[in-house]
Amino acid sequence: MPVDQKLLEKAIGSPQNMRFEEAVNLAKQLGWEGIGGEGSHTVFRHPLATNIRDKFPRPLNLQRGQNGKAKAYQVEQLLEMAREMGLISKQEDK
């Protein structure tokens, strides 16, 4: 699935303003697969994540906040994990 560049730019430039649905869509576009969760939490795994388990021992968790937005630190973690796996380049951060 191709990555929506505007959505990626929003995540990089303004993670605190990402709606939960946008964060989930971006995660799926980057190859994460939902594996469960309860309540406001959704847990994802990525087939390439075995390469980064030392740095990120837990799977990606996204949580819907009370205002319908994703937690900014979780969006930032999504981006950091994607960079470590080579899914997005560091140049896209600029």
PDB file of N, CA and C in Angstrom:
ATOM      1  N   MET A   1       0.848  -1.170   0.000  1.00  0.00           N
ATOM      2  CA  MET A   1       0.000   0.000   0.000  1.00  0.00           C
ATOM      3  C   MET A   1       0.899   1.241   0.000  1.00  0.00           C
ATOM      4  N   PRO A   2       0.653   2.170  -0.897  1.00  0.00           N
ATOM      5  CA  PRO A   2       1.500   3.372  -0.931  1.00  0.00           C
ATOM      6  C   PRO A   2       1.252   4.256   0.286  1.00  0.00           C
ATOM      7  N   VAL A   3       2.286   4.982   0.658  1.00  0.00           N
ATOM      8  CA  VAL A   3       2.199   5.867   1.815  1.00  0.00           C
ATOM      9  C   VAL A   3       1.691   7.227   1.364  1.00  0.00           C
ATOM     10  N   ASP A   4       0.673   7.716   2.021  1.00  0.00           N
ATOM     11  CA  ASP A   4       0.118   9.044   1.768  1.00  0.00           C
ATOM     12  C   ASP A   4       1.120  10.068   2.300  1.00  0.00           C
ATOM     13  N   GLN A   5       1.784  10.778   1.394  1.00  0.00           N
ATOM     14  CA  GLN A   5       2.850  11.704   1.787  1.00  0.00           C
ATOM     15  C   GLN A   5       2.336  12.841   2.663  1.00  0.00           C
ATOM     16  N   LYS A   6       1.127  13.324   2.415  1.00  0.00           N
ATOM     17  CA  LYS A   6       0.575  14.399   3.246  1.00  0.00           C
ATOM     18  C   LYS A   6       0.337  13.913   4.670  1.00  0.00           C
ATOM     19  N   LEU A   7      -0.101  12.680   4.803  1.00  0.00           N
ATOM     20  CA  LEU A   7      -0.318  12.105   6.124  1.00  0.00           C
ATOM     21  C   LEU A   7       1.014  11.917   6.849  1.00  0.00           C
ATOM     22  N   LEU A   8       2.019  11.453   6.124  1.00  0.00           N
ATOM     23  CA  LEU A   8       3.353  11.292   6.694  1.00  0.00           C
ATOM     24  C   LEU A   8       3.913  12.647   7.124  1.00  0.00           C
ATOM     25  N   GLU A   9       3.750  13.665   6.294  1.00  0.00           N
ATOM     26  CA  GLU A   9       4.227  15.002   6.641  1.00  0.00           C
ATOM     27  C   GLU A   9       3.521  15.542   7.878  1.00  0.00           C
ATOM     28  N   LYS A  10       2.238  15.261   8.006  1.00  0.00           N
ATOM     29  CA  LYS A  10       1.490  15.701   9.188  1.00  0.00           C
ATOM     30  C   LYS A  10       2.021  15.003  10.437  1.00  0.00           C
ATOM     31  N   ALA A  11       2.300  13.716  10.330  1.00  0.00           N
ATOM     32  CA  ALA A  11       2.832  12.964  11.470  1.00  0.00           C
ATOM     33  C   ALA A  11       4.186  13.517  11.895  1.00  0.00           C
ATOM     34  N   ILE A  12       5.024  13.847  10.933  1.00  0.00           N
ATOM     35  CA  ILE A  12       6.359  14.365  11.228  1.00  0.00           C
ATOM     36  C   ILE A  12       6.285  15.782  11.785  1.00  0.00           C
ATOM     37  N   GLY A  13       5.484  16.619  11.168  1.00  0.00           N
ATOM     38  CA  GLY A  13       5.448  18.028  11.543  1.00  0.00           C
ATOM     39  C   GLY A  13       4.551  18.359  12.708  1.00  0.00           C
ATOM     40  N   SER A  14       3.542  17.539  12.952  1.00  0.00           N
ATOM     41  CA  SER A  14       2.567  17.867  13.976  1.00  0.00           C
ATOM     42  C   SER A  14       1.941  16.608  14.582  1.00  0.00           C
ATOM     43  N   PRO A  15       2.763  15.765  15.234  1.00  0.00           N
ATOM     44  CA  PRO A  15       2.222  14.502  15.756  1.00  0.00           C
ATOM     45  C   PRO A  15       1.105  14.693  16.781  1.00  0.00           C
ATOM     46  N   GLN A  16       1.090  15.818  17.464  1.00  0.00           N
ATOM     47  CA  GLN A  16       0.066  16.077  18.469  1.00  0.00           C
ATOM     48  C   GLN A  16      -1.301  16.351  17.843  1.00  0.00           C
ATOM     49  N   ASN A  17      -1.338  16.595  16.540  1.00  0.00           N
ATOM     50  CA  ASN A  17      -2.599  16.880  15.859  1.00  0.00           C
ATOM     51  C   ASN A  17      -3.091  15.733  14.986  1.00  0.00           C
ATOM     52  N   MET A  18      -2.463  14.563  15.106  1.00  0.00           N
ATOM     53  CA  MET A  18      -2.907  13.397  14.324  1.00  0.00           C
ATOM     54  C   MET A  18      -4.155  12.796  14.966  1.00  0.00           C
ATOM     55  N   ARG A  19      -5.193  12.638  14.152  1.00  0.00           N
ATOM     56  CA  ARG A  19      -6.351  11.907  14.649  1.00  0.00           C
ATOM     57  C   ARG A  19      -5.962  10.423  14.762  1.00  0.00           C
ATOM     58  N   PHE A  20      -6.610   9.727  15.653  1.00  0.00           N
ATOM     59  CA  PHE A  20      -6.316   8.310  15.868  1.00  0.00           C
ATOM     60  C   PHE A  20      -6.442   7.534  14.561  1.00  0.00           C
ATOM     61  N   GLU A  21      -7.502   7.785  13.810  1.00  0.00           N
ATOM     62  CA  GLU A  21      -7.723   7.068  12.556  1.00  0.00           C
ATOM     63  C   GLU A  21      -6.598   7.340  11.567  1.00  0.00           C
ATOM     64  N   GLU A  22      -6.076   8.564  11.557  1.00  0.00           N
ATOM     65  CA  GLU A  22      -4.962   8.901  10.668  1.00  0.00           C
ATOM     66  C   GLU A  22      -3.709   8.121  11.060  1.00  0.00           C
ATOM     67  N   ALA A  23      -3.443   8.027  12.357  1.00  0.00           N
ATOM     68  CA  ALA A  23      -2.270   7.283  12.831  1.00  0.00           C
ATOM     69  C   ALA A  23      -2.387   5.811  12.476  1.00  0.00           C
ATOM     70  N   VAL A  24      -3.572   5.243  12.642  1.00  0.00           N
ATOM     71  CA  VAL A  24      -3.797   3.835  12.286  1.00  0.00           C
ATOM     72  C   VAL A  24      -3.606   3.641  10.777  1.00  0.00           C
ATOM     73  N   ASN A  25      -4.147   4.545   9.972  1.00  0.00           N
ATOM     74  CA  ASN A  25      -3.982   4.439   8.518  1.00  0.00           C
ATOM     75  C   ASN A  25      -2.516   4.523   8.127  1.00  0.00           C
ATOM     76  N   LEU A  26      -1.771   5.446   8.733  1.00  0.00           N
ATOM     77  CA  LEU A  26      -0.351   5.574   8.425  1.00  0.00           C
ATOM     78  C   LEU A  26       0.398   4.306   8.816  1.00  0.00           C
ATOM     79  N   ALA A  27       0.098   3.758   9.981  1.00  0.00           N
ATOM     80  CA  ALA A  27       0.748   2.523  10.414  1.00  0.00           C
ATOM     81  C   ALA A  27       0.494   1.403   9.401  1.00  0.00           C
ATOM     82  N   LYS A  28      -0.734   1.272   8.959  1.00  0.00           N
ATOM     83  CA  LYS A  28      -1.074   0.227   7.981  1.00  0.00           C
ATOM     84  C   LYS A  28      -0.380   0.473   6.649  1.00  0.00           C
ATOM     85  N   GLN A  29      -0.301   1.732   6.231  1.00  0.00           N
ATOM     86  CA  GLN A  29       0.380   2.054   4.975  1.00  0.00           C
ATOM     87  C   GLN A  29       1.863   1.704   5.049  1.00  0.00           C
ATOM     88  N   LEU A  30       2.445   1.799   6.246  1.00  0.00           N
ATOM     89  CA  LEU A  30       3.856   1.481   6.440  1.00  0.00           C
ATOM     90  C   LEU A  30       4.089  -0.014   6.682  1.00  0.00           C
ATOM     91  N   GLY A  31       3.019  -0.807   6.687  1.00  0.00           N
ATOM     92  CA  GLY A  31       3.152  -2.259   6.773  1.00  0.00           C
ATOM     93  C   GLY A  31       2.810  -2.892   8.104  1.00  0.00           C
ATOM     94  N   TRP A  32       2.386  -2.107   9.089  1.00  0.00           N
ATOM     95  CA  TRP A  32       1.999  -2.704  10.361  1.00  0.00           C
ATOM     96  C   TRP A  32       0.661  -3.404  10.203  1.00  0.00           C
ATOM     97  N   GLU A  33       0.481  -4.456  10.985  1.00  0.00           N
ATOM     98  CA  GLU A  33      -0.756  -5.236  10.983  1.00  0.00           C
ATOM     99  C   GLU A  33      -1.336  -5.212  12.389  1.00  0.00           C
ATOM    100  N   GLY A  34      -2.620  -4.919  12.484  1.00  0.00           N
ATOM    101  CA  GLY A  34      -3.280  -4.929  13.793  1.00  0.00           C
ATOM    102  C   GLY A  34      -3.345  -6.343  14.337  1.00  0.00           C
ATOM    103  N   ILE A  35      -2.956  -6.503  15.602  1.00  0.00           N
ATOM    104  CA  ILE A  35      -2.988  -7.845  16.206  1.00  0.00           C
ATOM    105  C   ILE A  35      -3.867  -7.883  17.449  1.00  0.00           C
ATOM    106  N   GLY A  36      -4.550  -6.802  17.741  1.00  0.00           N
ATOM    107  CA  GLY A  36      -5.447  -6.823  18.885  1.00  0.00           C
ATOM    108  C   GLY A  36      -5.419  -5.531  19.663  1.00  0.00           C
ATOM    109  N   GLY A  37      -5.830  -5.645  20.886  1.00  0.00           N
ATOM    110  CA  GLY A  37      -5.915  -4.490  21.761  1.00  0.00           C
ATOM    111  C   GLY A  37      -7.250  -4.491  22.471  1.00  0.00           C
ATOM    112  N   GLU A  38      -7.330  -3.677  23.493  1.00  0.00           N
ATOM    113  CA  GLU A  38      -8.564  -3.566  24.259  1.00  0.00           C
ATOM    114  C   GLU A  38      -8.895  -2.107  24.468  1.00  0.00           C
ATOM    115  N   GLY A  39     -10.170  -1.800  24.483  1.00  0.00           N
ATOM    116  CA  GLY A  39     -10.598  -0.435  24.743  1.00  0.00           C
ATOM    117  C   GLY A  39     -10.051   0.533  23.715  1.00  0.00           C
ATOM    118  N   SER A  40      -9.352   1.540  24.204  1.00  0.00           N
ATOM    119  CA  SER A  40      -8.843   2.578  23.298  1.00  0.00           C
ATOM    120  C   SER A  40      -7.487   2.229  22.704  1.00  0.00           C
ATOM    121  N   HIS A  41      -6.932   1.065  23.034  1.00  0.00           N
ATOM    122  CA  HIS A  41      -5.608   0.670  22.557  1.00  0.00           C
ATOM    123  C   HIS A  41      -5.719  -0.270  21.352  1.00  0.00           C
ATOM    124  N   THR A  42      -4.843  -0.074  20.378  1.00  0.00           N
ATOM    125  CA  THR A  42      -4.700  -1.000  19.263  1.00  0.00           C
ATOM    126  C   THR A  42      -3.226  -1.365  19.157  1.00  0.00           C
ATOM    127  N   VAL A  43      -2.940  -2.648  19.118  1.00  0.00           N
ATOM    128  CA  VAL A  43      -1.563  -3.141  19.073  1.00  0.00           C
ATOM    129  C   VAL A  43      -1.268  -3.642  17.665  1.00  0.00           C
ATOM    130  N   PHE A  44      -0.067  -3.304  17.184  1.00  0.00           N
ATOM    131  CA  PHE A  44       0.355  -3.657  15.833  1.00  0.00           C
ATOM    132  C   PHE A  44       1.677  -4.402  15.874  1.00  0.00           C
ATOM    133  N   ARG A  45       1.905  -5.219  14.860  1.00  0.00           N
ATOM    134  CA  ARG A  45       3.211  -5.838  14.659  1.00  0.00           C
ATOM    135  C   ARG A  45       3.621  -5.582  13.220  1.00  0.00           C
ATOM    136  N   HIS A  46       4.911  -5.664  12.989  1.00  0.00           N
ATOM    137  CA  HIS A  46       5.433  -5.460  11.637  1.00  0.00           C
ATOM    138  C   HIS A  46       6.352  -6.624  11.310  1.00  0.00           C
ATOM    139  N   PRO A  47       6.270  -7.183  10.104  1.00  0.00           N
ATOM    140  CA  PRO A  47       7.117  -8.322   9.745  1.00  0.00           C
ATOM    141  C   PRO A  47       8.615  -8.028   9.861  1.00  0.00           C
ATOM    142  N   LEU A  48       9.030  -6.781   9.694  1.00  0.00           N
ATOM    143  CA  LEU A  48      10.451  -6.428   9.779  1.00  0.00           C
ATOM    144  C   LEU A  48      10.899  -6.090  11.199  1.00  0.00           C
ATOM    145  N   ALA A  49       9.993  -6.073  12.148  1.00  0.00           N
ATOM    146  CA  ALA A  49      10.313  -5.631  13.506  1.00  0.00           C
ATOM    147  C   ALA A  49      11.318  -6.527  14.223  1.00  0.00           C
ATOM    148  N   THR A  50      11.526  -7.744  13.740  1.00  0.00           N
ATOM    149  CA  THR A  50      12.507  -8.615  14.395  1.00  0.00           C
ATOM    150  C   THR A  50      13.898  -7.998  14.351  1.00  0.00           C
ATOM    151  N   ASN A  51      14.138  -7.127  13.372  1.00  0.00           N
ATOM    152  CA  ASN A  51      15.438  -6.481  13.237  1.00  0.00           C
ATOM    153  C   ASN A  51      15.675  -5.381  14.272  1.00  0.00           C
ATOM    154  N   ILE A  52      14.628  -4.918  14.939  1.00  0.00           N
ATOM    155  CA  ILE A  52      14.777  -3.782  15.857  1.00  0.00           C
ATOM    156  C   ILE A  52      14.326  -4.110  17.282  1.00  0.00           C
ATOM    157  N   ARG A  53      14.171  -5.381  17.596  1.00  0.00           N
ATOM    158  CA  ARG A  53      13.644  -5.750  18.909  1.00  0.00           C
ATOM    159  C   ARG A  53      14.531  -5.326  20.071  1.00  0.00           C
ATOM    160  N   ASP A  54      15.841  -5.204  19.852  1.00  0.00           N
ATOM    161  CA  ASP A  54      16.703  -4.749  20.941  1.00  0.00           C
ATOM    162  C   ASP A  54      16.366  -3.317  21.332  1.00  0.00           C
ATOM    163  N   LYS A  55      16.070  -2.489  20.341  1.00  0.00           N
ATOM    164  CA  LYS A  55      15.749  -1.089  20.600  1.00  0.00           C
ATOM    165  C   LYS A  55      14.277  -0.903  20.975  1.00  0.00           C
ATOM    166  N   PHE A  56      13.401  -1.687  20.374  1.00  0.00           N
ATOM    167  CA  PHE A  56      11.959  -1.600  20.626  1.00  0.00           C
ATOM    168  C   PHE A  56      11.434  -2.987  20.991  1.00  0.00           C
ATOM    169  N   PRO A  57      11.566  -3.387  22.250  1.00  0.00           N
ATOM    170  CA  PRO A  57      11.175  -4.752  22.622  1.00  0.00           C
ATOM    171  C   PRO A  57       9.667  -4.998  22.588  1.00  0.00           C
ATOM    172  N   ARG A  58       8.869  -3.944  22.600  1.00  0.00           N
ATOM    173  CA  ARG A  58       7.420  -4.121  22.587  1.00  0.00           C
ATOM    174  C   ARG A  58       6.846  -3.755  21.224  1.00  0.00           C
ATOM    175  N   PRO A  59       5.704  -4.339  20.874  1.00  0.00           N
ATOM    176  CA  PRO A  59       5.091  -3.976  19.589  1.00  0.00           C
ATOM    177  C   PRO A  59       4.557  -2.546  19.636  1.00  0.00           C
ATOM    178  N   LEU A  60       4.207  -2.028  18.491  1.00  0.00           N
ATOM    179  CA  LEU A  60       3.650  -0.678  18.391  1.00  0.00           C
ATOM    180  C   LEU A  60       2.257  -0.661  19.003  1.00  0.00           C
ATOM    181  N   ASN A  61       2.007   0.319  19.844  1.00  0.00           N
ATOM    182  CA  ASN A  61       0.716   0.502  20.487  1.00  0.00           C
ATOM    183  C   ASN A  61       0.221   1.907  20.146  1.00  0.00           C
ATOM    184  N   LEU A  62      -0.985   2.003  19.616  1.00  0.00           N
ATOM    185  CA  LEU A  62      -1.599   3.303  19.374  1.00  0.00           C
ATOM    186  C   LEU A  62      -2.841   3.404  20.236  1.00  0.00           C
ATOM    187  N   GLN A  63      -3.040   4.593  20.794  1.00  0.00           N
ATOM    188  CA  GLN A  63      -4.139   4.792  21.734  1.00  0.00           C
ATOM    189  C   GLN A  63      -4.939   6.023  21.342  1.00  0.00           C
ATOM    190  N   ARG A  64      -6.241   5.877  21.376  1.00  0.00           N
ATOM    191  CA  ARG A  64      -7.141   7.002  21.109  1.00  0.00           C
ATOM    192  C   ARG A  64      -7.259   7.827  22.385  1.00  0.00           C
ATOM    193  N   GLY A  65      -6.972   9.124  22.282  1.00  0.00           N
ATOM    194  CA  GLY A  65      -7.134  10.027  23.414  1.00  0.00           C
ATOM    195  C   GLY A  65      -8.586  10.445  23.553  1.00  0.00           C
ATOM    196  N   GLN A  66      -8.889  11.174  24.595  1.00  0.00           N
ATOM    197  CA  GLN A  66     -10.267  11.603  24.837  1.00  0.00           C
ATOM    198  C   GLN A  66     -10.793  12.520  23.742  1.00  0.00           C
ATOM    199  N   ASN A  67      -9.901  13.234  23.081  1.00  0.00           N
ATOM    200  CA  ASN A  67     -10.306  14.161  22.029  1.00  0.00           C
ATOM    201  C   ASN A  67     -10.310  13.521  20.640  1.00  0.00           C
ATOM    202  N   GLY A  68     -10.141  12.205  20.558  1.00  0.00           N
ATOM    203  CA  GLY A  68     -10.140  11.502  19.283  1.00  0.00           C
ATOM    204  C   GLY A  68      -8.796  11.510  18.574  1.00  0.00           C
ATOM    205  N   LYS A  69      -7.805  12.135  19.186  1.00  0.00           N
ATOM    206  CA  LYS A  69      -6.475  12.182  18.588  1.00  0.00           C
ATOM    207  C   LYS A  69      -5.617  11.049  19.129  1.00  0.00           C
ATOM    208  N   ALA A  70      -4.614  10.697  18.350  1.00  0.00           N
ATOM    209  CA  ALA A  70      -3.634   9.706  18.803  1.00  0.00           C
ATOM    210  C   ALA A  70      -2.701  10.383  19.798  1.00  0.00           C
ATOM    211  N   LYS A  71      -2.095   9.596  20.654  1.00  0.00           N
ATOM    212  CA  LYS A  71      -1.098  10.132  21.576  1.00  0.00           C
ATOM    213  C   LYS A  71       0.143  10.519  20.768  1.00  0.00           C
ATOM    214  N   ALA A  72       0.618  11.753  20.952  1.00  0.00           N
ATOM    215  CA  ALA A  72       1.746  12.273  20.158  1.00  0.00           C
ATOM    216  C   ALA A  72       2.987  11.409  20.321  1.00  0.00           C
ATOM    217  N   TYR A  73       3.287  10.954  21.547  1.00  0.00           N
ATOM    218  CA  TYR A  73       4.497  10.163  21.753  1.00  0.00           C
ATOM    219  C   TYR A  73       4.409   8.826  21.022  1.00  0.00           C
ATOM    220  N   GLN A  74       3.210   8.301  20.834  1.00  0.00           N
ATOM    221  CA  GLN A  74       3.050   7.046  20.110  1.00  0.00           C
ATOM    222  C   GLN A  74       3.216   7.256  18.608  1.00  0.00           C
ATOM    223  N   VAL A  75       2.758   8.395  18.091  1.00  0.00           N
ATOM    224  CA  VAL A  75       2.986   8.722  16.682  1.00  0.00           C
ATOM    225  C   VAL A  75       4.484   8.881  16.447  1.00  0.00           C
ATOM    226  N   GLU A  76       5.177   9.543  17.377  1.00  0.00           N
ATOM    227  CA  GLU A  76       6.625   9.704  17.264  1.00  0.00           C
ATOM    228  C   GLU A  76       7.332   8.351  17.313  1.00  0.00           C
ATOM    229  N   GLN A  77       6.837   7.445  18.154  1.00  0.00           N
ATOM    230  CA  GLN A  77       7.425   6.103  18.216  1.00  0.00           C
ATOM    231  C   GLN A  77       7.196   5.360  16.898  1.00  0.00           C
ATOM    232  N   LEU A  78       6.027   5.487  16.322  1.00  0.00           N
ATOM    233  CA  LEU A  78       5.739   4.896  15.017  1.00  0.00           C
ATOM    234  C   LEU A  78       6.764   5.369  13.992  1.00  0.00           C
ATOM    235  N   LEU A  79       7.015   6.678  13.955  1.00  0.00           N
ATOM    236  CA  LEU A  79       7.971   7.234  13.000  1.00  0.00           C
ATOM    237  C   LEU A  79       9.388   6.747  13.284  1.00  0.00           C
ATOM    238  N   GLU A  80       9.766   6.709  14.556  1.00  0.00           N
ATOM    239  CA  GLU A  80      11.117   6.248  14.909  1.00  0.00           C
ATOM    240  C   GLU A  80      11.321   4.794  14.519  1.00  0.00           C
ATOM    241  N   MET A  81      10.326   3.955  14.771  1.00  0.00           N
ATOM    242  CA  MET A  81      10.421   2.549  14.392  1.00  0.00           C
ATOM    243  C   MET A  81      10.504   2.413  12.869  1.00  0.00           C
ATOM    244  N   ALA A  82       9.708   3.205  12.150  1.00  0.00           N
ATOM    245  CA  ALA A  82       9.717   3.160  10.688  1.00  0.00           C
ATOM    246  C   ALA A  82      11.083   3.574  10.143  1.00  0.00           C
ATOM    247  N   ARG A  83      11.711   4.572  10.763  1.00  0.00           N
ATOM    248  CA  ARG A  83      13.052   4.989  10.336  1.00  0.00           C
ATOM    249  C   ARG A  83      14.064   3.880  10.568  1.00  0.00           C
ATOM    250  N   GLU A  84      14.014   3.254  11.731  1.00  0.00           N
ATOM    251  CA  GLU A  84      14.953   2.179  12.072  1.00  0.00           C
ATOM    252  C   GLU A  84      14.842   1.001  11.118  1.00  0.00           C
ATOM    253  N   MET A  85      13.635   0.746  10.613  1.00  0.00           N
ATOM    254  CA  MET A  85      13.431  -0.365   9.683  1.00  0.00           C
ATOM    255  C   MET A  85      13.665   0.050   8.238  1.00  0.00           C
ATOM    256  N   GLY A  86      13.940   1.338   8.004  1.00  0.00           N
ATOM    257  CA  GLY A  86      14.181   1.817   6.656  1.00  0.00           C
ATOM    258  C   GLY A  86      12.910   2.039   5.841  1.00  0.00           C
ATOM    259  N   LEU A  87      11.766   2.146   6.515  1.00  0.00           N
ATOM    260  CA  LEU A  87      10.505   2.356   5.818  1.00  0.00           C
ATOM    261  C   LEU A  87      10.353   3.808   5.372  1.00  0.00           C
ATOM    262  N   ILE A  88      10.916   4.717   6.139  1.00  0.00           N
ATOM    263  CA  ILE A  88      10.969   6.132   5.757  1.00  0.00           C
ATOM    264  C   ILE A  88      12.397   6.603   5.963  1.00  0.00           C
ATOM    265  N   SER A  89      12.783   7.563   5.167  1.00  0.00           N
ATOM    266  CA  SER A  89      14.150   8.053   5.276  1.00  0.00           C
ATOM    267  C   SER A  89      14.230   9.235   6.229  1.00  0.00           C
ATOM    268  N   LYS A  90      15.402   9.467   6.736  1.00  0.00           N
ATOM    269  CA  LYS A  90      15.617  10.602   7.626  1.00  0.00           C
ATOM    270  C   LYS A  90      15.446  11.918   6.879  1.00  0.00           C
ATOM    271  N   GLN A  91      15.624  11.926   5.559  1.00  0.00           N
ATOM    272  CA  GLN A  91      15.431  13.139   4.766  1.00  0.00           C
ATOM    273  C   GLN A  91      13.966  13.583   4.753  1.00  0.00           C
ATOM    274  N   GLU A  92      13.055  12.644   4.930  1.00  0.00           N
ATOM    275  CA  GLU A  92      11.637  12.991   4.923  1.00  0.00           C
ATOM    276  C   GLU A  92      11.256  13.800   6.162  1.00  0.00           C
ATOM    277  N   ASP A  93      12.149  13.852   7.141  1.00  0.00           N
ATOM    278  CA  ASP A  93      11.872  14.607   8.357  1.00  0.00           C
ATOM    279  C   ASP A  93      12.060  16.101   8.165  1.00  0.00           C
ATOM    280  N   LYS A  94      12.584  16.501   7.080  1.00  0.00           N
ATOM    281  CA  LYS A  94      12.902  17.914   6.902  1.00  0.00           C
ATOM    282  C   LYS A  94      11.810  18.634   6.166  1.00  0.00           C
TER     283      LYS A  94
END
